[in-house]
C-alpha atoms as a PDB file:
ATOM      1  CA  MET A   1     -10.793  -5.877 158.325  1.00  0.00           C
ATOM      2  CA  ALA A   2      -9.624  -6.810 154.842  1.00  0.00           C
ATOM      3  CA  THR A   3     -12.008  -8.265 152.315  1.00  0.00           C
ATOM      4  CA  GLY A   4     -11.213 -11.620 150.796  1.00  0.00           C
ATOM      5  CA  GLY A   5     -11.343 -10.474 147.202  1.00  0.00           C
ATOM      6  CA  ASN A   6     -14.510 -12.432 146.498  1.00  0.00           C
ATOM      7  CA  ALA A   7     -16.432  -9.382 145.348  1.00  0.00           C
ATOM      8  CA  PRO A   8     -18.384 -10.014 142.164  1.00  0.00           C
ATOM      9  CA  ARG A   9     -16.627  -8.844 139.060  1.00  0.00           C
ATOM     10  CA  LYS A  10     -18.419  -6.378 136.800  1.00  0.00           C
ATOM     11  CA  ARG A  11     -19.395  -7.790 133.433  1.00  0.00           C
ATOM     12  CA  THR A  12     -18.496  -5.896 130.291  1.00  0.00           C
ATOM     13  CA  VAL A  13     -20.769  -5.209 127.352  1.00  0.00           C
ATOM     14  CA  MET A  14     -18.589  -7.470 125.217  1.00  0.00           C
ATOM     15  CA  GLU A  15     -19.185 -10.386 127.590  1.00  0.00           C
ATOM     16  CA  TYR A  16     -22.945  -9.959 127.328  1.00  0.00           C
ATOM     17  CA  ALA A  17     -22.710  -9.583 123.546  1.00  0.00           C
ATOM     18  CA  SER A  18     -20.650 -12.771 123.407  1.00  0.00           C
ATOM     19  CA  GLN A  19     -23.314 -14.670 125.321  1.00  0.00           C
ATOM     20  CA  VAL A  20     -26.008 -13.488 122.907  1.00  0.00           C
ATOM     21  CA  ALA A  21     -23.794 -14.350 119.928  1.00  0.00           C
ATOM     22  CA  LEU A  22     -23.190 -17.852 121.261  1.00  0.00           C
ATOM     23  CA  PHE A  23     -26.950 -18.420 121.432  1.00  0.00           C
ATOM     24  CA  VAL A  24     -27.413 -17.014 117.917  1.00  0.00           C
ATOM     25  CA  GLY A  25     -24.626 -19.333 116.759  1.00  0.00           C
ATOM     26  CA  ALA A  26     -26.593 -22.325 117.983  1.00  0.00           C
ATOM     27  CA  LEU A  27     -29.607 -21.085 116.034  1.00  0.00           C
ATOM     28  CA  ALA A  28     -27.406 -20.671 112.946  1.00  0.00           C
ATOM     29  CA  MET A  29     -26.291 -24.296 113.245  1.00  0.00           C
ATOM     30  CA  VAL A  30     -29.926 -25.371 113.402  1.00  0.00           C
ATOM     31  CA  GLY A  31     -30.509 -23.337 110.248  1.00  0.00           C
ATOM     32  CA  VAL A  32     -27.596 -25.007 108.474  1.00  0.00           C
ATOM     33  CA  GLY A  33     -28.872 -28.398 109.544  1.00  0.00           C
ATOM     34  CA  GLY A  34     -32.261 -27.518 108.108  1.00  0.00           C
ATOM     35  CA  GLY A  35     -30.755 -26.597 104.748  1.00  0.00           C
ATOM     36  CA  ASN A  36     -30.939 -22.818 105.126  1.00  0.00           C
ATOM     37  CA  PRO A  37     -27.830 -21.270 103.536  1.00  0.00           C
ATOM     38  CA  TRP A  38     -28.218 -18.094 105.624  1.00  0.00           C
ATOM     39  CA  GLY A  39     -27.083 -20.168 108.598  1.00  0.00           C
ATOM     40  CA  PHE A  40     -23.547 -20.183 107.181  1.00  0.00           C
ATOM     41  CA  VAL A  41     -23.526 -16.394 106.923  1.00  0.00           C
ATOM     42  CA  ILE A  42     -24.898 -15.841 110.423  1.00  0.00           C
ATOM     43  CA  ALA A  43     -22.476 -18.342 111.942  1.00  0.00           C
ATOM     44  CA  PHE A  44     -19.540 -16.697 110.155  1.00  0.00           C
ATOM     45  CA  VAL A  45     -20.543 -13.210 111.309  1.00  0.00           C
ATOM     46  CA  ILE A  46     -20.564 -14.209 114.995  1.00  0.00           C
ATOM     47  CA  GLN A  47     -17.179 -15.978 114.908  1.00  0.00           C
ATOM     48  CA  PRO A  48     -15.339 -12.945 116.378  1.00  0.00           C
ATOM     49  CA  PHE A  49     -17.371 -13.389 119.555  1.00  0.00           C
ATOM     50  CA  TRP A  50     -16.218 -17.001 119.814  1.00  0.00           C
ATOM     51  CA  TYR A  51     -12.622 -15.820 119.426  1.00  0.00           C
ATOM     52  CA  TYR A  52     -13.128 -13.174 122.102  1.00  0.00           C
ATOM     53  CA  THR A  53     -14.620 -15.720 124.496  1.00  0.00           C
ATOM     54  CA  ALA A  54     -11.802 -18.194 123.873  1.00  0.00           C
ATOM     55  CA  VAL A  55      -8.991 -15.677 124.367  1.00  0.00           C
ATOM     56  CA  PHE A  56     -10.619 -13.853 127.293  1.00  0.00           C
ATOM     57  CA  ASN A  57     -11.157 -17.109 129.181  1.00  0.00           C
ATOM     58  CA  ARG A  58      -7.867 -18.650 128.006  1.00  0.00           C
ATOM     59  CA  GLN A  59      -9.586 -21.633 126.453  1.00  0.00           C
ATOM     60  CA  TRP A  60      -7.070 -22.536 123.793  1.00  0.00           C
ATOM     61  CA  GLY A  61      -8.922 -25.640 122.670  1.00  0.00           C
ATOM     62  CA  LEU A  62     -11.970 -23.484 121.962  1.00  0.00           C
ATOM     63  CA  LEU A  63      -9.738 -21.122 119.996  1.00  0.00           C
ATOM     64  CA  GLY A  64      -8.585 -24.016 117.812  1.00  0.00           C
ATOM     65  CA  ALA A  65     -12.132 -25.286 117.375  1.00  0.00           C
ATOM     66  CA  SER A  66     -13.299 -21.775 116.456  1.00  0.00           C
ATOM     67  CA  THR A  67     -10.655 -21.642 113.741  1.00  0.00           C
ATOM     68  CA  VAL A  68     -11.876 -24.946 112.306  1.00  0.00           C
ATOM     69  CA  TYR A  69     -15.479 -23.713 112.429  1.00  0.00           C
ATOM     70  CA  THR A  70     -14.484 -20.473 110.677  1.00  0.00           C
ATOM     71  CA  VAL A  71     -13.008 -22.479 107.806  1.00  0.00           C
ATOM     72  CA  ALA A  72     -16.169 -24.613 107.674  1.00  0.00           C
ATOM     73  CA  TRP A  73     -18.439 -21.550 107.555  1.00  0.00           C
ATOM     74  CA  ILE A  74     -16.311 -20.004 104.779  1.00  0.00           C
ATOM     75  CA  LEU A  75     -16.565 -23.227 102.758  1.00  0.00           C
ATOM     76  CA  GLY A  76     -20.323 -23.289 103.337  1.00  0.00           C
ATOM     77  CA  ILE A  77     -20.677 -19.695 102.159  1.00  0.00           C
ATOM     78  CA  TYR A  78     -18.563 -20.458  99.105  1.00  0.00           C
ATOM     79  CA  ASN A  79     -20.463 -23.623  98.210  1.00  0.00           C
ATOM     80  CA  HIS A  80     -23.949 -22.256  98.827  1.00  0.00           C
ATOM     81  CA  TRP A  81     -23.570 -18.662  97.657  1.00  0.00           C
ATOM     82  CA  VAL A  82     -20.608 -18.170  95.323  1.00  0.00           C
ATOM     83  CA  VAL A  83     -21.028 -21.431  93.383  1.00  0.00           C
ATOM     84  CA  LEU A  84     -24.805 -20.960  93.289  1.00  0.00           C
ATOM     85  CA  CYS A  85     -24.378 -17.441  91.898  1.00  0.00           C
ATOM     86  CA  ASP A  86     -22.007 -18.747  89.217  1.00  0.00           C
ATOM     87  CA  ASP A  87     -24.596 -21.366  88.222  1.00  0.00           C
ATOM     88  CA  VAL A  88     -27.316 -18.712  87.985  1.00  0.00           C
ATOM     89  CA  VAL A  89     -25.105 -16.445  85.849  1.00  0.00           C
ATOM     90  CA  GLN A  90     -24.243 -19.351  83.546  1.00  0.00           C
ATOM     91  CA  PHE A  91     -27.931 -20.292  83.267  1.00  0.00           C
ATOM     92  CA  LEU A  92     -28.981 -16.713  82.457  1.00  0.00           C
ATOM     93  CA  THR A  93     -26.163 -16.379  79.919  1.00  0.00           C
ATOM     94  CA  THR A  94     -27.323 -19.572  78.197  1.00  0.00           C
ATOM     95  CA  ILE A  95     -30.923 -18.422  78.084  1.00  0.00           C
ATOM     96  CA  THR A  96     -30.174 -14.932  76.798  1.00  0.00           C
ATOM     97  CA  ALA A  97     -27.584 -16.110  74.231  1.00  0.00           C
ATOM     98  CA  GLY A  98     -30.318 -16.941  71.758  1.00  0.00           C
ATOM     99  CA  LEU A  99     -32.054 -13.573  72.206  1.00  0.00           C
ATOM    100  CA  PHE A 100     -29.261 -11.404  70.888  1.00  0.00           C
END
């Protein structure tokens, strides 16, 4: 008697990691919404898992959306970390200019 091929498929470690990363991504968005700049960093770091999920499941719309989100997270990191660091350096340079 032949089986119908309905046997459950084994899950890979990457699939489980992707599920955890998707949950962490939701928490990162809550952080961004609350004004925490670390949310941008966390969301950017888990983007590869979104790409894996999109390609593995052949969800091309999700792949496009993930690309847009990646650009958004990069802009958030730039605006909240790089620009902020430049402002701090300029402030410290102004303060210390009179000391030397």
